[in-house]
Amino acid sequence: MSAASLSRLLGIGPQLISRQLFCFHTSQRCCTNVTFGQSLGPTTAAKQENVRKHPPKIRKSGKTAKFPSTNVTWEERLADAVTPLWRMNYEEQLQVKYEAQKRTLQLLNTRITNYSGTDGLCCPLHSTLPSPVTVGYRNKSTFSVNRGPDGNPKTVGHYIGTGKGRNIVCTHSDHLVNMPEKHKQVARDYEQFIRHSPLDPCILFHEGGHWREITVRTNRKGDTMAIVYFHPQDLGKEEIRKHQKSLVEYFTTGPGAACELTSLYFQESAMTRCLHEESPYQLLYGVPYIFEEVLGLTFRISPDAFFQVNTEGAEVLYQTVRDLIRASGDYIVLDVCCGTGAVGLTVCQGAARVIGIELIDQAVEDAQCNAVLNGIDNCEFLKGKAEIVLPELLPSLEGAKFLVAVVNPSRAGLHYRVVRAIRNCEQIRRLVYISCKPEGEAMRNFVELCCLPDQQKKLFGDPFTPTLAVPVDMFPHTPHCELVLLFER
């Protein structure tokens, strides 16, 4: 695709942006060209627009739906929804992500009154660090159950359409370039299992049915964990156990044995999403955990543990954070929203102490286990809401010479009490903010960290200044990437 074509498609300038001098050591493996066996040719912009304006309709009867005439296959529609950049070569994808982060920094520049950057940016922007692997990089995938293009309600894949528009079609995921073959194989076998099961799928909770989605987790060694979600409705325990037994037999001695599952979990839930504490994950077969190596460290992965979905990309991300923190023997590192401790454990070498804060019980337990697994004794992990734990913790660290904070919140960003606590703690002179959606709620955090002192908002400390931004591509073929922002004062 030419620069001009890319510009028209994405609304960005065709010129190439010169790369910054600041450089990290990374490796790259280019994406191979992706083709669809059933494709009838490239999708033109006009055809894509037609699909967007006229989504397929599904009759309530669940029979085969009537679809508009189009040359776009279901596989292509799904790929365009899940991996919308799959038609571009990888260098073009990296440039698209660079331009997106550039616009974010330009927006931030207009909202920071105490800083004026060059080129309309609030700080230097590094070129997008590539993912070392671009095909089949996901170590976790969740597949839904719903009606397929042929109307079969026991189809396992990914959605096209929306519930609000009543045009959901569940399409097989075999052609998605970001998912490994093992994940697709487990999904196919799960579909065959539920199609032979006497129980109905659970598409809408109030309409009944039982079989729900399946999550697959893998590591680089090839270990595979599958988690099956099940709505009990009004089934008794004995009846549920009978279907659990059938599930185990299918994946251990039946056709599903080819998947070579290391772990098979089962969760009964009447809610869309619930944690282990709310509805325990039941280990039906195999070992309770799989393990992954990242930057020479071993991490335990439980069914609902947060772990970056791109392991090779995570190594680039954590190395980037480690380089930016520059922790020495006098530094205490605060790892806020630490999850299973991956950031804290990878940056602890050379630091005096690392203190992680995390809300979820299971994640804290995993983080503590990961520290023990790796023989690390200068890390501790505190459970609780960051907006409560951090303000209570900081007064006890007033004697510390240097504090460095790393924050890795969800898309909702940091609670304002966390931002206020960091801003008002004068020992914190350096902050690394990892954001998966910097143009969203995180922008509010950036502004409050960098604005002039504000009595009304109780922001009394000196403002931070953004000094470097580094995009890290964790999600090839999608528009998303992680932005690592370094703030100093």
Foldseek 3Di string as FASTA:
>chain_A
DALVVLCVVQVDHSDFDDFDPDDDDDAADWDDQADDPQQPDDDDPVLVVVCVVAPFADDPVLAQGDGDDDRGDPQNLVLCVPQVQNNDTQVVLQRLLQRVVQVLQLVLQVLFPVAHDPPSGLADEGRAAEQRDFFQQFQKDKWWFQQANRSPRLATADWDDDVVVNRTHGDQNCRHGNRDPLVSLLRVLVSVLVVPDPFAPCPDLVVDTWWTMKMWGAEPVLAIEIETETECVPPDPVVVVVVLVSVVCCCCVNPVVVSVHQWYWYWHDSDPDDDCVVTNIHTSDHDQWDWYAAPNFIFTDGPPFDDQRRRSLVNVVLVVVLVQQVAADLEEEEEEQCGLNPNVVSNVVRYVAYEYEHADPVRQVRNVVRCVRRVHDRYHYDYDQCLPVLLVPLVVCLVRQAYEYEYEDAQLAHDLSNLQSLQPRVRHFKYKYKHFCCSGNVSVSLSLQAYCADVVSNRHHHHWRWHYKHWYASHHSHSITIIIIMTGD
